[in-house]
Amino acid sequence: MHWFLQLLFFGALLTFATANQCDAETECSDDETCCRLSDNVWGCCPMPRAVCCDDRTHCCPSGTICDPKGQRCLSSDGSEHVPMRKKKPARKTVERNQFNEVLCPDQTSKCPDGSSCCLLQQGTYGCCPVPNAVCCPDMLHCCPHGFQCHGQFCSQNFARIPHLKKFASTAIHRKPALNYLSEEDDSSSSESSETSEDVDPISCGEGKTCPAKTTCCFVDGDNGKSKPMCCPLSNAVCCQDTCCPAGYHCVGGGKCEKHAKSKIRHFWKTTNDEEEEEGEEEFNVRSFKFLKYIKWFHYFTKGK
């Protein structure tokens, strides 16, 4: 009986997928068909249940055969033909930045990859720990894609799992990056470090050391070769001309942008003996098994 219910649950997930949704983040209209384009991204053919041609540029009506050489669509017996139709790019339902983080509609906050932006009671955005989530009307909880919010549960057909709790989004905040230490700074700081018994200079390539509590970075030199540089921060992120603190991305204009903080790992954990953070929802092993099927569902439908 236990396995039978699990099969019913997984089958319900599969039947939810709609023809006009290419994957969790792209879609076409109801009267269009999802087809791959030449660069392997999703496109839309301007007719329902279309045949996607192998050239990844054109498509044909249902029941016809693609004839790329003749730029036409042939009937099954070859007696009739119509012109091929050209695909167009599919619409993005989720906006991302260059680091694959999810940008929220207010354009001032973001969520980590694998999560969704949902509005909170105070009018700001939080993050639901599953992709393409359903945001519940209470503005506190959310459900996986394909489920409905019902009180303290997320339901779909015979399946019912605990609702998920949102976590705080990350404000899109940038601050100036730090310059690398000059050769003079390197030598003077290294000399002072050598006199201390508590800290040692850091090896940074052949014949070069960086002062203690800094980070050795290798950047592209003028001659195309890698050049060692010293960032005046511990565990720093190395950029080309500057460096950023740990937990930040290097962005254009000599700026550092904070990573989207993530609590997704907590929701997908496989054991329930990890220490719970205060205020977070507790998930038991049974909940994890249900969520595991959802994760498989997104994996298999993403590349359809």
C-alpha atoms as a PDB file:
ATOM      1  CA  MET A   1       0.000   0.000   0.000  1.00  0.00           C
ATOM      2  CA  HIS A   2       2.852   2.355   0.849  1.00  0.00           C
ATOM      3  CA  TRP A   3       4.470   1.945  -2.592  1.00  0.00           C
ATOM      4  CA  PHE A   4       1.083   2.252  -4.303  1.00  0.00           C
ATOM      5  CA  LEU A   5       0.491   5.683  -2.729  1.00  0.00           C
ATOM      6  CA  GLN A   6       3.967   6.785  -3.735  1.00  0.00           C
ATOM      7  CA  LEU A   7       3.270   5.781  -7.361  1.00  0.00           C
ATOM      8  CA  LEU A   8      -0.012   7.692  -7.310  1.00  0.00           C
ATOM      9  CA  PHE A   9       1.843  10.762  -6.024  1.00  0.00           C
ATOM     10  CA  PHE A  10       4.496  10.609  -8.733  1.00  0.00           C
ATOM     11  CA  GLY A  11       1.886  10.041 -11.438  1.00  0.00           C
ATOM     12  CA  ALA A  12      -0.013  13.117 -10.277  1.00  0.00           C
ATOM     13  CA  LEU A  13       3.119  15.193 -10.724  1.00  0.00           C
ATOM     14  CA  LEU A  14       3.650  13.961 -14.273  1.00  0.00           C
ATOM     15  CA  THR A  15       0.086  14.708 -15.353  1.00  0.00           C
ATOM     16  CA  PHE A  16       0.375  18.291 -14.146  1.00  0.00           C
ATOM     17  CA  ALA A  17       2.924  19.330 -16.800  1.00  0.00           C
ATOM     18  CA  THR A  18       1.268  21.529 -19.444  1.00  0.00           C
ATOM     19  CA  ALA A  19       2.121  21.596 -23.142  1.00  0.00           C
ATOM     20  CA  ASN A  20       2.918  25.304 -23.165  1.00  0.00           C
ATOM     21  CA  GLN A  21       5.408  25.174 -20.268  1.00  0.00           C
ATOM     22  CA  CYS A  22       8.831  24.337 -21.709  1.00  0.00           C
ATOM     23  CA  ASP A  23      10.589  24.048 -18.338  1.00  0.00           C
ATOM     24  CA  ALA A  24      10.346  25.606 -14.889  1.00  0.00           C
ATOM     25  CA  GLU A  25      11.455  29.022 -16.180  1.00  0.00           C
ATOM     26  CA  THR A  26      10.298  29.301 -19.812  1.00  0.00           C
ATOM     27  CA  GLU A  27       6.897  29.064 -21.445  1.00  0.00           C
ATOM     28  CA  CYS A  28       4.944  29.487 -24.675  1.00  0.00           C
ATOM     29  CA  SER A  29       1.310  30.509 -25.209  1.00  0.00           C
ATOM     30  CA  ASP A  30      -1.508  27.957 -25.139  1.00  0.00           C
ATOM     31  CA  ASP A  31      -1.685  28.007 -28.945  1.00  0.00           C
ATOM     32  CA  GLU A  32       2.092  27.479 -29.349  1.00  0.00           C
ATOM     33  CA  THR A  33       4.480  24.506 -29.031  1.00  0.00           C
ATOM     34  CA  CYS A  34       7.828  24.394 -27.198  1.00  0.00           C
ATOM     35  CA  CYS A  35      10.733  23.567 -29.550  1.00  0.00           C
ATOM     36  CA  ARG A  36      14.492  23.752 -29.069  1.00  0.00           C
ATOM     37  CA  LEU A  37      16.395  26.471 -30.955  1.00  0.00           C
ATOM     38  CA  SER A  38      19.868  26.219 -32.510  1.00  0.00           C
ATOM     39  CA  ASP A  39      21.583  27.330 -29.291  1.00  0.00           C
ATOM     40  CA  ASN A  40      19.650  24.624 -27.365  1.00  0.00           C
ATOM     41  CA  VAL A  41      17.422  27.125 -25.533  1.00  0.00           C
ATOM     42  CA  TRP A  42      13.646  26.883 -25.747  1.00  0.00           C
ATOM     43  CA  GLY A  43      11.688  28.551 -28.518  1.00  0.00           C
ATOM     44  CA  CYS A  44       8.001  28.684 -29.473  1.00  0.00           C
ATOM     45  CA  CYS A  45       6.434  27.404 -32.688  1.00  0.00           C
ATOM     46  CA  PRO A  46       3.343  29.553 -33.535  1.00  0.00           C
ATOM     47  CA  MET A  47       0.902  26.599 -33.689  1.00  0.00           C
ATOM     48  CA  PRO A  48      -0.352  23.959 -31.231  1.00  0.00           C
ATOM     49  CA  ARG A  49       1.022  20.382 -31.184  1.00  0.00           C
ATOM     50  CA  ALA A  50       3.552  21.280 -33.870  1.00  0.00           C
ATOM     51  CA  VAL A  51       6.369  19.136 -35.276  1.00  0.00           C
ATOM     52  CA  CYS A  52       9.769  20.554 -34.290  1.00  0.00           C
ATOM     53  CA  CYS A  53      12.121  20.322 -37.280  1.00  0.00           C
ATOM     54  CA  ASP A  54      15.680  19.028 -36.894  1.00  0.00           C
ATOM     55  CA  ASP A  55      17.207  22.291 -38.158  1.00  0.00           C
ATOM     56  CA  ARG A  56      16.064  23.828 -34.828  1.00  0.00           C
ATOM     57  CA  THR A  57      14.838  26.927 -36.675  1.00  0.00           C
ATOM     58  CA  HIS A  58      11.541  25.859 -38.247  1.00  0.00           C
ATOM     59  CA  CYS A  59       8.460  23.837 -37.363  1.00  0.00           C
ATOM     60  CA  CYS A  60       5.528  22.243 -39.149  1.00  0.00           C
ATOM     61  CA  PRO A  61       1.850  21.555 -38.396  1.00  0.00           C
ATOM     62  CA  SER A  62       0.882  18.385 -36.591  1.00  0.00           C
ATOM     63  CA  GLY A  63       0.769  15.343 -38.885  1.00  0.00           C
ATOM     64  CA  THR A  64       3.206  16.744 -41.451  1.00  0.00           C
ATOM     65  CA  ILE A  65       6.881  16.020 -42.172  1.00  0.00           C
ATOM     66  CA  CYS A  66       9.680  18.615 -42.188  1.00  0.00           C
ATOM     67  CA  ASP A  67      11.439  19.094 -45.552  1.00  0.00           C
ATOM     68  CA  PRO A  68      14.364  21.418 -44.726  1.00  0.00           C
ATOM     69  CA  LYS A  69      15.771  21.404 -48.259  1.00  0.00           C
ATOM     70  CA  GLY A  70      12.509  22.543 -49.765  1.00  0.00           C
ATOM     71  CA  GLN A  71      11.664  24.774 -46.775  1.00  0.00           C
ATOM     72  CA  ARG A  72       8.238  23.191 -46.582  1.00  0.00           C
ATOM     73  CA  CYS A  73       6.040  20.812 -44.598  1.00  0.00           C
ATOM     74  CA  LEU A  74       4.882  17.715 -46.438  1.00  0.00           C
ATOM     75  CA  SER A  75       1.772  15.666 -45.844  1.00  0.00           C
ATOM     76  CA  SER A  76       2.330  12.018 -44.919  1.00  0.00           C
ATOM     77  CA  ASP A  77       1.860  10.886 -48.543  1.00  0.00           C
ATOM     78  CA  GLY A  78       3.829  13.840 -49.963  1.00  0.00           C
ATOM     79  CA  SER A  79       0.928  15.025 -52.122  1.00  0.00           C
ATOM     80  CA  GLU A  80       0.447  18.353 -50.307  1.00  0.00           C
ATOM     81  CA  HIS A  81       2.761  20.864 -48.701  1.00  0.00           C
ATOM     82  CA  VAL A  82       2.697  24.139 -46.784  1.00  0.00           C
ATOM     83  CA  PRO A  83       5.551  26.552 -45.932  1.00  0.00           C
ATOM     84  CA  MET A  84       7.602  25.959 -42.797  1.00  0.00           C
ATOM     85  CA  ARG A  85       7.011  28.301 -39.881  1.00  0.00           C
ATOM     86  CA  LYS A  86       9.837  29.951 -37.960  1.00  0.00           C
ATOM     87  CA  LYS A  87      10.219  29.622 -34.202  1.00  0.00           C
ATOM     88  CA  LYS A  88      10.668  32.537 -31.827  1.00  0.00           C
ATOM     89  CA  PRO A  89      12.384  32.642 -28.407  1.00  0.00           C
ATOM     90  CA  ALA A  90      10.287  31.400 -25.497  1.00  0.00           C
ATOM     91  CA  ARG A  91       9.276  33.779 -22.719  1.00  0.00           C
ATOM     92  CA  LYS A  92      11.263  33.771 -19.504  1.00  0.00           C
ATOM     93  CA  THR A  93       9.088  33.419 -16.419  1.00  0.00           C
ATOM     94  CA  VAL A  94      12.043  33.858 -14.059  1.00  0.00           C
ATOM     95  CA  GLU A  95      14.617  36.633 -14.388  1.00  0.00           C
ATOM     96  CA  ARG A  96      18.207  35.813 -13.382  1.00  0.00           C
ATOM     97  CA  ASN A  97      21.473  37.688 -13.060  1.00  0.00           C
ATOM     98  CA  GLN A  98      24.893  36.680 -14.376  1.00  0.00           C
ATOM     99  CA  PHE A  99      25.460  34.483 -11.300  1.00  0.00           C
ATOM    100  CA  ASN A 100      22.268  32.467 -11.900  1.00  0.00           C
ATOM    101  CA  GLU A 101      20.561  34.020  -8.874  1.00  0.00           C
ATOM    102  CA  VAL A 102      16.819  34.709  -9.094  1.00  0.00           C
ATOM    103  CA  LEU A 103      15.943  38.421  -9.296  1.00  0.00           C
ATOM    104  CA  CYS A 104      12.717  39.401  -7.514  1.00  0.00           C
ATOM    105  CA  PRO A 105      10.159  41.682  -9.228  1.00  0.00           C
ATOM    106  CA  ASP A 106      11.103  44.682  -7.060  1.00  0.00           C
ATOM    107  CA  GLN A 107      14.608  44.560  -8.663  1.00  0.00           C
ATOM    108  CA  THR A 108      16.127  45.324  -5.242  1.00  0.00           C
ATOM    109  CA  SER A 109      16.253  41.792  -3.805  1.00  0.00           C
ATOM    110  CA  LYS A 110      17.225  38.316  -4.986  1.00  0.00           C
ATOM    111  CA  CYS A 111      17.018  34.633  -4.053  1.00  0.00           C
ATOM    112  CA  PRO A 112      19.507  31.790  -4.610  1.00  0.00           C
ATOM    113  CA  ASP A 113      19.334  29.389  -7.533  1.00  0.00           C
ATOM    114  CA  GLY A 114      16.753  26.659  -6.910  1.00  0.00           C
ATOM    115  CA  SER A 115      14.331  28.971  -5.077  1.00  0.00           C
ATOM    116  CA  SER A 116      11.477  31.365  -5.943  1.00  0.00           C
ATOM    117  CA  CYS A 117      10.598  34.943  -4.997  1.00  0.00           C
ATOM    118  CA  CYS A 118       7.349  35.308  -3.010  1.00  0.00           C
ATOM    119  CA  LEU A 119       5.791  38.451  -1.585  1.00  0.00           C
ATOM    120  CA  LEU A 120       5.755  38.824   2.218  1.00  0.00           C
ATOM    121  CA  GLN A 121       3.181  40.530   4.466  1.00  0.00           C
ATOM    122  CA  GLN A 122       5.332  43.637   4.864  1.00  0.00           C
ATOM    123  CA  GLY A 123       5.416  44.173   1.096  1.00  0.00           C
ATOM    124  CA  THR A 124       8.969  42.941   0.538  1.00  0.00           C
ATOM    125  CA  TYR A 125      10.039  39.672  -1.070  1.00  0.00           C
ATOM    126  CA  GLY A 126      11.135  36.433   0.582  1.00  0.00           C
ATOM    127  CA  CYS A 127      12.432  33.184  -0.899  1.00  0.00           C
ATOM    128  CA  CYS A 128      10.579  29.892  -1.184  1.00  0.00           C
ATOM    129  CA  PRO A 129      13.076  26.990  -1.090  1.00  0.00           C
ATOM    130  CA  VAL A 130      11.817  25.283  -4.292  1.00  0.00           C
ATOM    131  CA  PRO A 131      11.892  26.462  -7.933  1.00  0.00           C
ATOM    132  CA  ASN A 132       8.785  27.809  -9.683  1.00  0.00           C
ATOM    133  CA  ALA A 133       6.881  27.702  -6.384  1.00  0.00           C
ATOM    134  CA  VAL A 134       3.249  28.489  -5.586  1.00  0.00           C
ATOM    135  CA  CYS A 135       3.133  31.476  -3.191  1.00  0.00           C
ATOM    136  CA  CYS A 136       0.369  30.988  -0.604  1.00  0.00           C
ATOM    137  CA  PRO A 137      -2.203  33.764   0.100  1.00  0.00           C
ATOM    138  CA  ASP A 138      -1.103  34.019   3.748  1.00  0.00           C
ATOM    139  CA  MET A 139       2.184  35.528   2.434  1.00  0.00           C
ATOM    140  CA  LEU A 140       4.124  33.371   4.900  1.00  0.00           C
ATOM    141  CA  HIS A 141       4.241  29.953   3.261  1.00  0.00           C
ATOM    142  CA  CYS A 142       4.598  28.411  -0.180  1.00  0.00           C
ATOM    143  CA  CYS A 143       4.143  25.098  -1.977  1.00  0.00           C
ATOM    144  CA  PRO A 144       6.036  23.215  -4.687  1.00  0.00           C
ATOM    145  CA  HIS A 145       5.032  23.740  -8.305  1.00  0.00           C
ATOM    146  CA  GLY A 146       1.810  21.854  -9.115  1.00  0.00           C
ATOM    147  CA  PHE A 147       0.449  21.937  -5.556  1.00  0.00           C
ATOM    148  CA  GLN A 148      -2.253  24.070  -3.948  1.00  0.00           C
ATOM    149  CA  CYS A 149      -2.084  25.858  -0.594  1.00  0.00           C
ATOM    150  CA  HIS A 150      -4.530  24.315   1.884  1.00  0.00           C
ATOM    151  CA  GLY A 151      -4.066  25.594   5.419  1.00  0.00           C
ATOM    152  CA  GLN A 152      -0.892  24.108   6.843  1.00  0.00           C
ATOM    153  CA  PHE A 153      -0.452  21.711   3.915  1.00  0.00           C
ATOM    154  CA  CYS A 154       0.289  21.642   0.213  1.00  0.00           C
ATOM    155  CA  SER A 155      -2.016  19.262  -1.662  1.00  0.00           C
ATOM    156  CA  GLN A 156      -2.349  17.764  -5.124  1.00  0.00           C
ATOM    157  CA  ASN A 157      -4.834  14.961  -5.815  1.00  0.00           C
ATOM    158  CA  PHE A 158      -3.951  12.228  -3.282  1.00  0.00           C
ATOM    159  CA  ALA A 159      -0.717  13.850  -2.138  1.00  0.00           C
ATOM    160  CA  ARG A 160      -0.405  16.096   0.907  1.00  0.00           C
ATOM    161  CA  ILE A 161       2.832  17.487   2.345  1.00  0.00           C
ATOM    162  CA  PRO A 162       3.627  20.187   4.945  1.00  0.00           C
ATOM    163  CA  HIS A 163       3.771  23.673   3.503  1.00  0.00           C
ATOM    164  CA  LEU A 164       7.175  25.306   3.138  1.00  0.00           C
ATOM    165  CA  LYS A 165       8.278  28.390   5.002  1.00  0.00           C
ATOM    166  CA  LYS A 166       9.915  31.266   3.174  1.00  0.00           C
ATOM    167  CA  PHE A 167      13.273  32.668   4.210  1.00  0.00           C
ATOM    168  CA  ALA A 168      14.567  36.219   3.840  1.00  0.00           C
ATOM    169  CA  SER A 169      15.739  37.386   0.435  1.00  0.00           C
ATOM    170  CA  THR A 170      19.068  39.161  -0.017  1.00  0.00           C
ATOM    171  CA  ALA A 171      19.127  42.880  -0.766  1.00  0.00           C
ATOM    172  CA  ILE A 172      21.015  43.676  -3.965  1.00  0.00           C
ATOM    173  CA  HIS A 173      23.819  45.631  -2.361  1.00  0.00           C
ATOM    174  CA  ARG A 174      27.081  46.680  -3.979  1.00  0.00           C
ATOM    175  CA  LYS A 175      30.151  48.219  -2.429  1.00  0.00           C
ATOM    176  CA  PRO A 176      33.548  49.266  -3.806  1.00  0.00           C
ATOM    177  CA  ALA A 177      36.086  46.508  -4.381  1.00  0.00           C
ATOM    178  CA  LEU A 178      39.575  46.690  -2.851  1.00  0.00           C
ATOM    179  CA  ASN A 179      42.745  47.313  -4.808  1.00  0.00           C
ATOM    180  CA  TYR A 180      45.577  44.791  -4.727  1.00  0.00           C
ATOM    181  CA  LEU A 181      48.602  45.672  -2.645  1.00  0.00           C
ATOM    182  CA  SER A 182      51.412  47.389  -4.510  1.00  0.00           C
ATOM    183  CA  GLU A 183      54.905  45.869  -4.619  1.00  0.00           C
ATOM    184  CA  GLU A 184      56.030  48.312  -1.913  1.00  0.00           C
ATOM    185  CA  ASP A 185      53.129  47.340   0.337  1.00  0.00           C
ATOM    186  CA  ASP A 186      53.901  43.650  -0.218  1.00  0.00           C
ATOM    187  CA  SER A 187      57.540  43.954   0.832  1.00  0.00           C
ATOM    188  CA  SER A 188      56.989  46.198   3.852  1.00  0.00           C
ATOM    189  CA  SER A 189      54.080  44.122   5.162  1.00  0.00           C
ATOM    190  CA  SER A 190      55.956  40.861   4.624  1.00  0.00           C
ATOM    191  CA  GLU A 191      58.929  42.159   6.607  1.00  0.00           C
ATOM    192  CA  SER A 192      56.709  43.118   9.524  1.00  0.00           C
ATOM    193  CA  SER A 193      54.977  39.716   9.350  1.00  0.00           C
ATOM    194  CA  GLU A 194      58.289  37.902   9.546  1.00  0.00           C
ATOM    195  CA  THR A 195      59.029  39.569  12.899  1.00  0.00           C
ATOM    196  CA  SER A 196      55.796  38.228  14.406  1.00  0.00           C
ATOM    197  CA  GLU A 197      55.703  34.739  15.901  1.00  0.00           C
ATOM    198  CA  ASP A 198      51.895  34.438  15.527  1.00  0.00           C
ATOM    199  CA  VAL A 199      51.519  34.877  11.772  1.00  0.00           C
ATOM    200  CA  ASP A 200      53.480  33.788   8.712  1.00  0.00           C
ATOM    201  CA  PRO A 201      53.584  35.325   5.231  1.00  0.00           C
ATOM    202  CA  ILE A 202      51.646  33.512   2.502  1.00  0.00           C
ATOM    203  CA  SER A 203      53.429  31.927  -0.457  1.00  0.00           C
ATOM    204  CA  CYS A 204      52.093  33.366  -3.715  1.00  0.00           C
ATOM    205  CA  GLY A 205      53.852  31.875  -6.694  1.00  0.00           C
ATOM    206  CA  GLU A 206      57.544  31.476  -7.340  1.00  0.00           C
ATOM    207  CA  GLY A 207      59.624  33.960  -5.377  1.00  0.00           C
ATOM    208  CA  LYS A 208      56.654  35.983  -4.084  1.00  0.00           C
ATOM    209  CA  THR A 209      54.937  36.125  -0.726  1.00  0.00           C
ATOM    210  CA  CYS A 210      51.903  37.994   0.547  1.00  0.00           C
ATOM    211  CA  PRO A 211      51.566  39.403   4.074  1.00  0.00           C
ATOM    212  CA  ALA A 212      49.767  37.366   6.699  1.00  0.00           C
ATOM    213  CA  LYS A 213      45.964  37.595   6.758  1.00  0.00           C
ATOM    214  CA  THR A 214      45.785  38.436   3.055  1.00  0.00           C
ATOM    215  CA  THR A 215      44.841  36.355   0.004  1.00  0.00           C
ATOM    216  CA  CYS A 216      47.082  35.336  -2.873  1.00  0.00           C
ATOM    217  CA  CYS A 217      45.378  35.956  -6.231  1.00  0.00           C
ATOM    218  CA  PHE A 218      46.511  35.179  -9.784  1.00  0.00           C
ATOM    219  CA  VAL A 219      45.321  37.609 -12.467  1.00  0.00           C
ATOM    220  CA  ASP A 220      46.018  37.981 -16.180  1.00  0.00           C
ATOM    221  CA  GLY A 221      49.202  39.984 -16.767  1.00  0.00           C
ATOM    222  CA  ASP A 222      50.052  42.290 -19.666  1.00  0.00           C
ATOM    223  CA  ASN A 223      51.973  39.527 -21.425  1.00  0.00           C
ATOM    224  CA  GLY A 224      49.065  37.090 -21.158  1.00  0.00           C
ATOM    225  CA  LYS A 225      50.719  35.149 -18.339  1.00  0.00           C
ATOM    226  CA  SER A 226      49.303  34.706 -14.871  1.00  0.00           C
ATOM    227  CA  LYS A 227      50.477  37.359 -12.415  1.00  0.00           C
ATOM    228  CA  PRO A 228      50.444  36.885  -8.609  1.00  0.00           C
ATOM    229  CA  MET A 229      48.843  39.682  -6.568  1.00  0.00           C
ATOM    230  CA  CYS A 230      48.031  40.160  -2.888  1.00  0.00           C
ATOM    231  CA  CYS A 231      44.537  41.109  -1.723  1.00  0.00           C
ATOM    232  CA  PRO A 232      44.463  42.832   1.699  1.00  0.00           C
ATOM    233  CA  LEU A 233      41.662  40.526   2.961  1.00  0.00           C
ATOM    234  CA  SER A 234      41.579  36.978   4.289  1.00  0.00           C
ATOM    235  CA  ASN A 235      39.694  34.393   2.187  1.00  0.00           C
ATOM    236  CA  ALA A 236      38.958  37.037  -0.428  1.00  0.00           C
ATOM    237  CA  VAL A 237      37.333  36.621  -3.850  1.00  0.00           C
ATOM    238  CA  CYS A 238      39.857  37.439  -6.582  1.00  0.00           C
ATOM    239  CA  CYS A 239      38.731  39.693  -9.442  1.00  0.00           C
ATOM    240  CA  GLN A 240      40.819  40.812 -12.409  1.00  0.00           C
ATOM    241  CA  ASP A 241      41.895  44.255 -11.184  1.00  0.00           C
ATOM    242  CA  THR A 242      40.466  44.242  -7.659  1.00  0.00           C
ATOM    243  CA  CYS A 243      39.264  41.813  -4.984  1.00  0.00           C
ATOM    244  CA  CYS A 244      36.121  41.379  -2.871  1.00  0.00           C
ATOM    245  CA  PRO A 245      35.347  40.071   0.632  1.00  0.00           C
ATOM    246  CA  ALA A 246      34.242  36.462   1.078  1.00  0.00           C
ATOM    247  CA  GLY A 247      30.541  36.070   0.325  1.00  0.00           C
ATOM    248  CA  TYR A 248      30.571  38.603  -2.521  1.00  0.00           C
ATOM    249  CA  HIS A 249      30.658  38.431  -6.325  1.00  0.00           C
ATOM    250  CA  CYS A 250      32.930  40.544  -8.509  1.00  0.00           C
ATOM    251  CA  VAL A 251      30.782  42.845 -10.693  1.00  0.00           C
ATOM    252  CA  GLY A 252      31.592  45.526 -13.234  1.00  0.00           C
ATOM    253  CA  GLY A 253      32.785  48.999 -12.356  1.00  0.00           C
ATOM    254  CA  GLY A 254      35.067  47.814  -9.559  1.00  0.00           C
ATOM    255  CA  LYS A 255      32.181  46.758  -7.303  1.00  0.00           C
ATOM    256  CA  CYS A 256      31.369  43.777  -5.096  1.00  0.00           C
ATOM    257  CA  GLU A 257      27.828  42.363  -4.810  1.00  0.00           C
ATOM    258  CA  LYS A 258      26.707  40.189  -1.916  1.00  0.00           C
ATOM    259  CA  HIS A 259      25.785  36.537  -2.654  1.00  0.00           C
ATOM    260  CA  ALA A 260      22.140  35.565  -2.317  1.00  0.00           C
ATOM    261  CA  LYS A 261      22.049  33.763   1.027  1.00  0.00           C
ATOM    262  CA  SER A 262      20.653  30.273   0.905  1.00  0.00           C
ATOM    263  CA  LYS A 263      18.837  27.960   3.312  1.00  0.00           C
ATOM    264  CA  ILE A 264      17.804  25.516   0.591  1.00  0.00           C
ATOM    265  CA  ARG A 265      20.158  22.758   1.827  1.00  0.00           C
ATOM    266  CA  HIS A 266      18.196  22.652   5.083  1.00  0.00           C
ATOM    267  CA  PHE A 267      14.951  21.832   3.265  1.00  0.00           C
ATOM    268  CA  TRP A 268      16.481  19.067   1.145  1.00  0.00           C
ATOM    269  CA  LYS A 269      18.388  17.351   3.953  1.00  0.00           C
ATOM    270  CA  THR A 270      18.324  13.568   4.110  1.00  0.00           C
ATOM    271  CA  THR A 271      18.513  13.163   7.864  1.00  0.00           C
ATOM    272  CA  ASN A 272      16.669  14.894  10.648  1.00  0.00           C
ATOM    273  CA  ASP A 273      19.476  14.902  13.184  1.00  0.00           C
ATOM    274  CA  GLU A 274      20.999  18.210  12.021  1.00  0.00           C
ATOM    275  CA  GLU A 275      20.729  21.106  14.377  1.00  0.00           C
ATOM    276  CA  GLU A 276      17.687  23.247  13.552  1.00  0.00           C
ATOM    277  CA  GLU A 277      18.103  27.012  13.264  1.00  0.00           C
ATOM    278  CA  GLU A 278      15.741  29.051  15.384  1.00  0.00           C
ATOM    279  CA  GLY A 279      12.525  29.952  13.591  1.00  0.00           C
ATOM    280  CA  GLU A 280      12.957  27.422  10.763  1.00  0.00           C
ATOM    281  CA  GLU A 281      10.364  24.770   9.990  1.00  0.00           C
ATOM    282  CA  GLU A 282      11.208  21.221  11.019  1.00  0.00           C
ATOM    283  CA  PHE A 283      10.935  18.566   8.322  1.00  0.00           C
ATOM    284  CA  ASN A 284      10.828  14.861   9.113  1.00  0.00           C
ATOM    285  CA  VAL A 285      12.004  11.977   6.964  1.00  0.00           C
ATOM    286  CA  ARG A 286       8.532  11.356   5.519  1.00  0.00           C
ATOM    287  CA  SER A 287       8.359  14.962   4.281  1.00  0.00           C
ATOM    288  CA  PHE A 288      11.745  14.549   2.677  1.00  0.00           C
ATOM    289  CA  LYS A 289      10.579  11.491   0.715  1.00  0.00           C
ATOM    290  CA  PHE A 290       7.715  13.495  -0.780  1.00  0.00           C
ATOM    291  CA  LEU A 291      10.006  16.409  -1.600  1.00  0.00           C
ATOM    292  CA  LYS A 292      12.476  14.007  -3.208  1.00  0.00           C
ATOM    293  CA  TYR A 293       9.842  13.024  -5.780  1.00  0.00           C
ATOM    294  CA  ILE A 294       9.280  16.696  -6.587  1.00  0.00           C
ATOM    295  CA  LYS A 295      13.008  17.162  -7.113  1.00  0.00           C
ATOM    296  CA  TRP A 296      13.084  14.170  -9.494  1.00  0.00           C
ATOM    297  CA  PHE A 297      10.070  15.572 -11.343  1.00  0.00           C
ATOM    298  CA  HIS A 298      11.807  18.912 -12.002  1.00  0.00           C
ATOM    299  CA  TYR A 299      14.951  17.086 -13.103  1.00  0.00           C
ATOM    300  CA  PHE A 300      13.217  14.863 -15.659  1.00  0.00           C
ATOM    301  CA  THR A 301      10.899  17.557 -17.080  1.00  0.00           C
ATOM    302  CA  LYS A 302      13.585  20.237 -17.371  1.00  0.00           C
ATOM    303  CA  GLY A 303      15.138  18.743 -20.475  1.00  0.00           C
ATOM    304  CA  LYS A 304      11.997  17.465 -22.195  1.00  0.00           C
END
